[in-house]
């Protein structure tokens, strides 16, 4: 049986100042839909300025939100295809 390889590319963008980092994650799916999610991180004033750490935290939060959106989309598609309400998909 021939299997088709599918790839998704997730784009991440960051906006930072001295205390805050915001991240936006975006993915385009093969069905043409596009999803965006946001994450934030804040540095306490007594902590050293490490922008990479803020990016990792804000990025992880954005990816977590994106994962939840993908689970919700899959759940809705299962319900639409089956004509019934399915069990929630948990992470």
C-alpha atoms as a PDB file:
ATOM      1  CA  UNK A   1       0.000   0.000   0.000  1.00  0.00           C
ATOM      2  CA  UNK A   2       1.346   3.419  -0.960  1.00  0.00           C
ATOM      3  CA  UNK A   3       1.431   5.950   1.852  1.00  0.00           C
ATOM      4  CA  UNK A   4       1.381   9.668   1.260  1.00  0.00           C
ATOM      5  CA  UNK A   5       3.798  11.820   3.212  1.00  0.00           C
ATOM      6  CA  UNK A   6       2.197  14.952   4.604  1.00  0.00           C
ATOM      7  CA  UNK A   7       4.084  17.833   6.142  1.00  0.00           C
ATOM      8  CA  UNK A   8       3.000  20.857   8.085  1.00  0.00           C
ATOM      9  CA  UNK A   9       5.090  23.960   8.544  1.00  0.00           C
ATOM     10  CA  UNK A  10       4.520  25.931  11.731  1.00  0.00           C
ATOM     11  CA  UNK A  11       5.646  29.547  11.697  1.00  0.00           C
ATOM     12  CA  UNK A  12       6.568  31.368  14.899  1.00  0.00           C
ATOM     13  CA  UNK A  13       6.992  35.109  15.326  1.00  0.00           C
ATOM     14  CA  UNK A  14       8.081  36.961  18.441  1.00  0.00           C
ATOM     15  CA  UNK A  15       7.751  40.532  19.669  1.00  0.00           C
ATOM     16  CA  UNK A  16       9.809  41.451  22.712  1.00  0.00           C
ATOM     17  CA  UNK A  17      10.673  44.308  25.019  1.00  0.00           C
ATOM     18  CA  UNK A  18      12.748  44.239  28.219  1.00  0.00           C
ATOM     19  CA  UNK A  19      10.037  42.518  30.282  1.00  0.00           C
ATOM     20  CA  UNK A  20       7.575  40.869  27.893  1.00  0.00           C
ATOM     21  CA  UNK A  21       7.627  38.401  25.037  1.00  0.00           C
ATOM     22  CA  UNK A  22       4.673  37.683  22.778  1.00  0.00           C
ATOM     23  CA  UNK A  23       4.593  34.783  20.352  1.00  0.00           C
ATOM     24  CA  UNK A  24       2.305  33.956  17.457  1.00  0.00           C
ATOM     25  CA  UNK A  25       2.214  30.430  16.033  1.00  0.00           C
ATOM     26  CA  UNK A  26       0.589  29.772  12.684  1.00  0.00           C
ATOM     27  CA  UNK A  27       0.012  26.600  10.685  1.00  0.00           C
ATOM     28  CA  UNK A  28      -1.554  26.075   7.258  1.00  0.00           C
ATOM     29  CA  UNK A  29      -3.242  22.705   6.908  1.00  0.00           C
ATOM     30  CA  UNK A  30      -3.616  20.631   3.716  1.00  0.00           C
ATOM     31  CA  UNK A  31      -7.371  21.365   3.708  1.00  0.00           C
ATOM     32  CA  UNK A  32      -6.568  25.057   3.199  1.00  0.00           C
ATOM     33  CA  UNK A  33      -7.437  26.153   6.708  1.00  0.00           C
ATOM     34  CA  UNK A  34      -5.078  28.313   8.717  1.00  0.00           C
ATOM     35  CA  UNK A  35      -4.825  28.462  12.496  1.00  0.00           C
ATOM     36  CA  UNK A  36      -3.136  31.059  14.687  1.00  0.00           C
ATOM     37  CA  UNK A  37      -2.435  30.996  18.391  1.00  0.00           C
ATOM     38  CA  UNK A  38      -0.782  33.383  20.833  1.00  0.00           C
ATOM     39  CA  UNK A  39       1.450  32.997  23.858  1.00  0.00           C
ATOM     40  CA  UNK A  40       2.984  35.403  26.342  1.00  0.00           C
ATOM     41  CA  UNK A  41       5.817  35.450  28.819  1.00  0.00           C
ATOM     42  CA  UNK A  42       6.842  38.063  31.369  1.00  0.00           C
ATOM     43  CA  UNK A  43      10.220  38.472  33.026  1.00  0.00           C
ATOM     44  CA  UNK A  44      10.318  39.392  36.698  1.00  0.00           C
ATOM     45  CA  UNK A  45      12.430  42.498  37.247  1.00  0.00           C
ATOM     46  CA  UNK A  46      14.867  40.618  39.519  1.00  0.00           C
ATOM     47  CA  UNK A  47      15.569  37.969  36.857  1.00  0.00           C
ATOM     48  CA  UNK A  48      18.385  38.412  34.353  1.00  0.00           C
ATOM     49  CA  UNK A  49      17.408  39.430  30.822  1.00  0.00           C
ATOM     50  CA  UNK A  50      17.436  36.205  28.775  1.00  0.00           C
ATOM     51  CA  UNK A  51      15.338  36.791  25.641  1.00  0.00           C
ATOM     52  CA  UNK A  52      15.697  33.169  24.502  1.00  0.00           C
ATOM     53  CA  UNK A  53      13.973  31.940  27.676  1.00  0.00           C
ATOM     54  CA  UNK A  54      11.070  34.328  27.112  1.00  0.00           C
ATOM     55  CA  UNK A  55      10.787  33.081  23.528  1.00  0.00           C
ATOM     56  CA  UNK A  56      10.765  29.463  24.688  1.00  0.00           C
ATOM     57  CA  UNK A  57       8.020  30.095  27.255  1.00  0.00           C
ATOM     58  CA  UNK A  58       5.865  32.294  25.010  1.00  0.00           C
ATOM     59  CA  UNK A  59       6.444  29.927  22.077  1.00  0.00           C
ATOM     60  CA  UNK A  60       5.481  26.875  24.120  1.00  0.00           C
ATOM     61  CA  UNK A  61       2.298  28.590  25.261  1.00  0.00           C
ATOM     62  CA  UNK A  62       1.394  29.529  21.686  1.00  0.00           C
ATOM     63  CA  UNK A  63       2.066  25.971  20.491  1.00  0.00           C
ATOM     64  CA  UNK A  64      -0.025  24.594  23.352  1.00  0.00           C
ATOM     65  CA  UNK A  65      -2.948  26.798  22.318  1.00  0.00           C
ATOM     66  CA  UNK A  66      -2.428  25.742  18.691  1.00  0.00           C
ATOM     67  CA  UNK A  67      -2.517  22.079  19.746  1.00  0.00           C
ATOM     68  CA  UNK A  68      -5.832  22.628  21.525  1.00  0.00           C
ATOM     69  CA  UNK A  69      -7.282  24.302  18.418  1.00  0.00           C
ATOM     70  CA  UNK A  70      -6.182  21.334  16.290  1.00  0.00           C
ATOM     71  CA  UNK A  71      -7.773  18.885  18.739  1.00  0.00           C
ATOM     72  CA  UNK A  72     -11.016  20.877  18.662  1.00  0.00           C
ATOM     73  CA  UNK A  73     -10.995  20.928  14.842  1.00  0.00           C
ATOM     74  CA  UNK A  74     -10.414  17.164  14.700  1.00  0.00           C
ATOM     75  CA  UNK A  75     -13.183  16.562  17.237  1.00  0.00           C
ATOM     76  CA  UNK A  76     -15.644  18.651  15.205  1.00  0.00           C
ATOM     77  CA  UNK A  77     -14.697  16.790  12.022  1.00  0.00           C
ATOM     78  CA  UNK A  78     -15.225  13.416  13.723  1.00  0.00           C
ATOM     79  CA  UNK A  79     -18.672  14.561  14.865  1.00  0.00           C
ATOM     80  CA  UNK A  80     -19.588  15.893  11.407  1.00  0.00           C
ATOM     81  CA  UNK A  81     -18.508  12.694   9.661  1.00  0.00           C
ATOM     82  CA  UNK A  82     -20.162  10.338  12.143  1.00  0.00           C
ATOM     83  CA  UNK A  83     -23.370  12.288  12.742  1.00  0.00           C
ATOM     84  CA  UNK A  84     -23.032  11.865  16.482  1.00  0.00           C
ATOM     85  CA  UNK A  85     -21.311  13.529  19.403  1.00  0.00           C
ATOM     86  CA  UNK A  86     -18.023  11.827  20.125  1.00  0.00           C
ATOM     87  CA  UNK A  87     -15.998  11.669  23.313  1.00  0.00           C
ATOM     88  CA  UNK A  88     -13.703  14.642  23.932  1.00  0.00           C
ATOM     89  CA  UNK A  89     -10.122  14.257  22.742  1.00  0.00           C
ATOM     90  CA  UNK A  90      -7.793  14.752  25.677  1.00  0.00           C
ATOM     91  CA  UNK A  91      -4.111  15.581  25.766  1.00  0.00           C
END
